[in-house]
Amino acid sequence: MADRRDIECWLTDMDGVLVHENTPLPGAVELIAQWRDTGTPFLVLTNNSIFTPRDLAARLRASGLDVPEESIWTSALATADFCASQIPGGRAYVIGEAGLTTALHEAGFIMTETDPDYVVVGETRNYSFDAITKAIRLIGQGARFIATNPDATGPSAEGPMPATGAISALITKATGKDPYVVGKPNPMMFRSAMNRIGAHSENTAMIGDRMDTDIVAGIEAGLHTVLVLTGISDDNEIAKYPFRPDEILAGVHELVATEPVEVEL
């Protein structure tokens, strides 16, 4: 496993690592600036498929984090990348928002309700019973079932709300077909991210706050793994799992390099 000194490229989760409720976490602004100033290849990853990278870059900028849109990798982009590698120029029936439909369009896909190659399910603010029914029927007719991520719930101001994993489970129950899930914890998402920036597992690290997605997928992809304690994980959470990250840090502020003090003689 790579020592941190050997790391040349970085992948990092967003919520709980760089930001919490639209507020930058300690060290996040400085770490992004450090990577940009030194020309270090990096990508900010999110399992959320609602927003395009441009949307997310704008939201991060409003939070005080200057992350260019080309440095953001979403489960929607990873899903589009996967589908295009399997059936170039294919056809898809999509349950999702602009982040997913835009990614698939840009990957050369045609959106259709007639004889699609794929039914692709991602997050949406308003799940339609008619759309779910159509997805069930198309899968029954032979369309391949893809989900952007396995997250059963997502946060909202009023509390948890059903997300991709919950809707996928409904479709699975009705069809008997499990989706192929592209986002974390599938290491496929990390491999497609590394391809995007020309990185290799031997010299790439993953920073995350979740043992069950970020860390396990990082380990399976052969990356140097860094767990930060600014999200949902604490010692009790870490103890639940049979694997361990390479490093456990209080937060990303511990990754910010401190300039040596030069003493003039």
Protein backbone atom coordinates (compact mmCIF):
# COMPACT_ATOMS: atom_id res chain seq x y z
CA MET A 1 0.00 0.00 0.00
CA ALA A 2 1.33 3.42 -0.96
CA ASP A 3 2.82 5.71 1.64
CA ARG A 4 1.24 9.17 1.63
CA ARG A 5 4.55 10.60 0.38
CA ASP A 6 4.11 8.54 -2.81
CA ILE A 7 0.66 9.97 -3.55
CA GLU A 8 0.46 12.09 -6.70
CA CYS A 9 -3.32 12.17 -7.30
CA TRP A 10 -6.26 12.60 -4.94
CA LEU A 11 -9.91 11.61 -4.94
CA THR A 12 -12.10 13.05 -2.20
CA ASP A 13 -15.69 12.77 -1.10
CA MET A 14 -17.55 16.05 -0.74
CA ASP A 15 -20.15 16.03 2.07
CA GLY A 16 -18.62 15.37 5.48
CA VAL A 17 -15.10 15.79 4.08
CA LEU A 18 -14.96 19.21 2.40
CA VAL A 19 -18.32 20.69 3.38
CA HIS A 20 -21.03 20.24 5.98
CA GLU A 21 -24.42 21.80 5.23
CA ASN A 22 -22.85 24.24 2.73
CA THR A 23 -20.11 25.33 5.14
CA PRO A 24 -16.49 24.44 4.36
CA LEU A 25 -14.89 22.16 6.94
CA PRO A 26 -11.55 23.23 8.48
CA GLY A 27 -8.71 22.97 5.99
CA ALA A 28 -10.93 22.34 2.94
CA VAL A 29 -10.33 25.73 1.29
CA GLU A 30 -6.58 25.48 1.93
CA LEU A 31 -6.33 21.87 0.67
CA ILE A 32 -8.12 22.64 -2.62
CA ALA A 33 -5.89 25.71 -3.07
CA GLN A 34 -2.81 23.60 -2.34
CA TRP A 35 -3.76 21.01 -4.96
CA ARG A 36 -4.52 23.68 -7.56
CA ASP A 37 -1.36 25.69 -6.83
CA THR A 38 0.86 22.61 -7.14
CA GLY A 39 -0.92 21.23 -10.21
CA THR A 40 -1.90 18.07 -8.30
CA PRO A 41 -4.55 16.07 -10.20
CA PHE A 42 -7.68 15.70 -8.07
CA LEU A 43 -11.40 15.00 -8.31
CA VAL A 44 -14.22 15.71 -5.86
CA LEU A 45 -16.62 12.75 -5.88
CA THR A 46 -20.31 12.57 -5.03
CA ASN A 47 -22.89 9.79 -5.29
CA ASN A 48 -25.60 12.40 -5.86
CA SER A 49 -26.73 12.29 -9.50
CA ILE A 50 -29.15 15.24 -9.44
CA PHE A 51 -26.70 18.02 -10.27
CA THR A 52 -24.32 18.62 -13.15
CA PRO A 53 -20.67 19.40 -12.33
CA ARG A 54 -21.37 23.02 -13.28
CA ASP A 55 -24.24 23.17 -10.76
CA LEU A 56 -22.07 21.62 -8.05
CA ALA A 57 -19.12 23.91 -8.78
CA ALA A 58 -21.45 26.90 -8.38
CA ARG A 59 -22.84 25.53 -5.09
CA LEU A 60 -19.33 24.89 -3.75
CA ARG A 61 -18.23 28.36 -4.85
CA ALA A 62 -21.15 29.86 -2.91
CA SER A 63 -19.88 27.91 0.09
CA GLY A 64 -16.40 29.39 -0.34
CA LEU A 65 -14.77 26.40 -2.07
CA ASP A 66 -13.24 27.10 -5.47
CA VAL A 67 -13.51 23.74 -7.27
CA PRO A 68 -13.61 23.88 -11.10
CA GLU A 69 -16.38 21.85 -12.72
CA GLU A 70 -13.85 19.64 -14.50
CA SER A 71 -12.61 18.55 -11.05
CA ILE A 72 -16.02 17.13 -10.01
CA TRP A 73 -16.98 13.50 -10.69
CA THR A 74 -20.55 12.39 -9.97
CA SER A 75 -22.25 9.00 -10.00
CA ALA A 76 -24.17 10.30 -13.04
CA LEU A 77 -20.92 10.85 -14.96
CA ALA A 78 -19.59 7.47 -13.87
CA THR A 79 -22.86 5.82 -14.94
CA ALA A 80 -22.80 7.51 -18.36
CA ASP A 81 -19.15 6.51 -18.77
CA PHE A 82 -19.98 2.89 -17.92
CA CYS A 83 -23.03 2.70 -20.21
CA ALA A 84 -21.13 4.24 -23.13
CA SER A 85 -18.30 1.74 -22.68
CA GLN A 86 -20.82 -1.11 -22.87
CA ILE A 87 -23.12 0.10 -25.67
CA PRO A 88 -21.69 3.17 -27.47
CA GLY A 89 -24.46 5.42 -28.78
CA GLY A 90 -27.09 3.41 -26.93
CA ARG A 91 -30.63 4.22 -25.86
CA ALA A 92 -31.82 4.82 -22.30
CA TYR A 93 -35.02 5.38 -20.38
CA VAL A 94 -34.06 7.61 -17.46
CA ILE A 95 -35.60 8.34 -14.08
CA GLY A 96 -33.51 11.27 -12.88
CA GLU A 97 -32.65 14.94 -13.10
CA ALA A 98 -30.42 17.12 -15.28
CA GLY A 99 -27.20 15.74 -13.80
CA LEU A 100 -28.00 12.29 -15.17
CA THR A 101 -29.73 13.16 -18.44
CA THR A 102 -26.99 15.66 -19.35
CA ALA A 103 -24.23 13.13 -18.61
CA LEU A 104 -25.90 10.48 -20.76
CA HIS A 105 -26.55 12.93 -23.61
CA GLU A 106 -22.91 14.04 -23.56
CA ALA A 107 -21.84 10.37 -23.64
CA GLY A 108 -23.80 9.96 -26.88
CA PHE A 109 -26.98 8.35 -25.55
CA ILE A 110 -30.50 8.85 -26.86
CA MET A 111 -33.29 9.25 -24.30
CA THR A 112 -36.29 7.13 -25.24
CA GLU A 113 -39.37 5.40 -23.87
CA THR A 114 -39.34 2.86 -26.69
CA ASP A 115 -37.10 -0.23 -26.69
CA PRO A 116 -34.21 1.23 -24.62
CA ASP A 117 -30.98 -0.67 -24.00
CA TYR A 118 -30.99 0.57 -20.41
CA VAL A 119 -33.36 1.72 -17.71
CA VAL A 120 -31.23 4.10 -15.62
CA VAL A 121 -32.43 5.20 -12.19
CA GLY A 122 -30.94 8.10 -10.26
CA GLU A 123 -32.06 10.68 -7.72
CA THR A 124 -34.98 12.91 -8.53
CA ARG A 125 -36.92 15.41 -6.46
CA ASN A 126 -40.25 13.99 -7.64
CA TYR A 127 -40.48 10.25 -8.26
CA SER A 128 -43.39 9.57 -10.60
CA PHE A 129 -45.46 6.41 -10.17
CA ASP A 130 -46.07 6.43 -13.93
CA ALA A 131 -42.33 6.63 -14.62
CA ILE A 132 -41.59 3.79 -12.18
CA THR A 133 -44.33 1.69 -13.80
CA LYS A 134 -42.83 2.34 -17.23
CA ALA A 135 -39.37 1.37 -15.94
CA ILE A 136 -40.74 -1.92 -14.55
CA ARG A 137 -42.39 -2.76 -17.87
CA LEU A 138 -39.32 -1.89 -19.94
CA ILE A 139 -37.09 -4.05 -17.72
CA GLY A 140 -39.64 -6.84 -18.11
CA GLN A 141 -39.26 -6.44 -21.88
CA GLY A 142 -35.48 -6.88 -21.67
CA ALA A 143 -33.93 -3.49 -20.89
CA ARG A 144 -30.85 -3.67 -18.64
CA PHE A 145 -31.37 -2.16 -15.18
CA ILE A 146 -28.77 0.39 -13.98
CA ALA A 147 -28.75 2.51 -10.81
CA THR A 148 -26.44 5.46 -10.25
CA ASN A 149 -25.91 4.69 -6.56
CA PRO A 150 -27.21 2.47 -3.74
CA ASP A 151 -28.12 5.19 -1.22
CA ALA A 152 -31.55 4.35 0.21
CA THR A 153 -32.19 7.81 1.64
CA GLY A 154 -30.98 11.34 1.13
CA PRO A 155 -31.04 14.38 3.40
CA SER A 156 -33.58 17.18 3.25
CA ALA A 157 -34.46 20.09 5.51
CA GLU A 158 -37.44 18.11 6.84
CA GLY A 159 -35.49 14.87 7.37
CA PRO A 160 -34.63 11.76 5.32
CA MET A 161 -36.24 11.25 1.94
CA PRO A 162 -36.22 8.15 -0.31
CA ALA A 163 -33.31 8.09 -2.75
CA THR A 164 -32.08 5.91 -5.60
CA GLY A 165 -31.63 2.74 -3.55
CA ALA A 166 -35.19 2.83 -2.24
CA ILE A 167 -36.72 3.33 -5.69
CA SER A 168 -34.44 0.66 -7.16
CA ALA A 169 -35.64 -1.75 -4.45
CA LEU A 170 -39.25 -1.11 -5.46
CA ILE A 171 -38.39 -1.86 -9.11
CA THR A 172 -36.40 -4.96 -8.10
CA LYS A 173 -39.35 -6.28 -6.09
CA ALA A 174 -41.64 -5.83 -9.08
CA THR A 175 -39.28 -7.26 -11.71
CA GLY A 176 -37.10 -9.74 -9.83
CA LYS A 177 -34.10 -7.97 -11.38
CA ASP A 178 -31.32 -6.34 -9.37
CA PRO A 179 -29.70 -3.22 -10.85
CA TYR A 180 -26.03 -2.89 -11.64
CA VAL A 181 -25.02 -0.06 -9.29
CA VAL A 182 -22.21 2.14 -10.61
CA GLY A 183 -21.62 4.60 -7.75
CA LYS A 184 -19.82 4.05 -4.46
CA PRO A 185 -19.16 1.49 -3.01
CA ASN A 186 -18.59 0.03 -6.49
CA PRO A 187 -14.87 0.62 -7.16
CA MET A 188 -15.93 1.15 -10.80
CA MET A 189 -16.66 4.78 -9.87
CA PHE A 190 -13.09 5.27 -8.64
CA ARG A 191 -11.60 3.58 -11.70
CA SER A 192 -13.57 5.83 -14.05
CA ALA A 193 -12.51 8.84 -11.95
CA MET A 194 -8.86 7.83 -12.18
CA ASN A 195 -9.20 7.39 -15.95
CA ARG A 196 -10.59 10.92 -16.11
CA ILE A 197 -7.41 12.43 -14.59
CA GLY A 198 -4.90 9.87 -15.88
CA ALA A 199 -4.19 8.50 -12.40
CA HIS A 200 -3.05 5.04 -11.31
CA SER A 201 -4.05 3.18 -8.16
CA GLU A 202 -0.43 2.90 -7.00
CA ASN A 203 -0.13 6.67 -6.51
CA THR A 204 -3.73 7.74 -5.80
CA ALA A 205 -5.45 8.32 -2.45
CA MET A 206 -9.13 8.47 -1.52
CA ILE A 207 -10.40 10.69 1.30
CA GLY A 208 -13.80 9.85 2.73
CA ASP A 209 -15.96 9.94 5.83
CA ARG A 210 -17.81 6.64 5.36
CA MET A 211 -16.38 3.20 6.00
CA ASP A 212 -19.15 1.45 4.03
CA THR A 213 -18.70 3.39 0.78
CA ASP A 214 -15.58 5.57 0.50
CA ILE A 215 -13.15 3.36 2.39
CA VAL A 216 -14.24 -0.10 1.27
CA ALA A 217 -14.40 1.01 -2.38
CA GLY A 218 -10.99 2.68 -2.05
CA ILE A 219 -9.50 -0.51 -0.63
CA GLU A 220 -11.07 -2.61 -3.40
CA ALA A 221 -9.72 -0.21 -6.03
CA GLY A 222 -6.23 -0.51 -4.55
CA LEU A 223 -6.00 3.10 -3.34
CA HIS A 224 -4.37 4.66 -0.29
CA THR A 225 -7.39 5.31 1.96
CA VAL A 226 -7.84 8.23 4.36
CA LEU A 227 -10.83 8.34 6.73
CA VAL A 228 -11.69 11.73 8.22
CA LEU A 229 -13.79 12.06 11.35
CA THR A 230 -15.69 15.19 10.25
CA GLY A 231 -18.59 13.16 8.80
CA ILE A 232 -20.52 10.20 10.18
CA SER A 233 -17.69 7.91 11.33
CA ASP A 234 -16.33 7.67 14.85
CA ASP A 235 -14.41 4.96 16.73
CA ASN A 236 -17.58 2.88 17.28
CA GLU A 237 -18.46 3.04 13.58
CA ILE A 238 -14.92 2.08 12.53
CA ALA A 239 -14.96 -0.90 14.91
CA LYS A 240 -17.98 -2.41 13.09
CA TYR A 241 -15.96 -3.28 10.00
CA PRO A 242 -13.34 -5.98 9.37
CA PHE A 243 -11.19 -3.62 7.28
CA ARG A 244 -9.25 -0.48 8.17
CA PRO A 245 -8.27 2.66 6.26
CA ASP A 246 -4.57 3.38 5.84
CA GLU A 247 -4.98 6.60 7.82
CA ILE A 248 -7.55 8.04 10.21
CA LEU A 249 -7.41 11.84 10.52
CA ALA A 250 -9.42 14.38 12.48
CA GLY A 251 -10.11 16.25 9.23
CA VAL A 252 -8.62 17.39 5.93
CA HIS A 253 -6.79 20.20 7.73
CA GLU A 254 -4.22 17.54 8.64
CA LEU A 255 -3.40 17.13 4.93
CA VAL A 256 -2.57 20.80 4.39
CA ALA A 257 1.16 21.26 4.03
CA THR A 258 2.78 23.75 6.34
CA GLU A 259 5.50 25.82 4.74
CA PRO A 260 8.89 25.43 6.43
CA VAL A 261 10.14 28.57 8.09
CA GLU A 262 13.19 29.89 6.27
CA VAL A 263 15.85 31.32 8.55
CA GLU A 264 18.21 33.82 6.98
CA LEU A 265 21.75 33.46 8.24
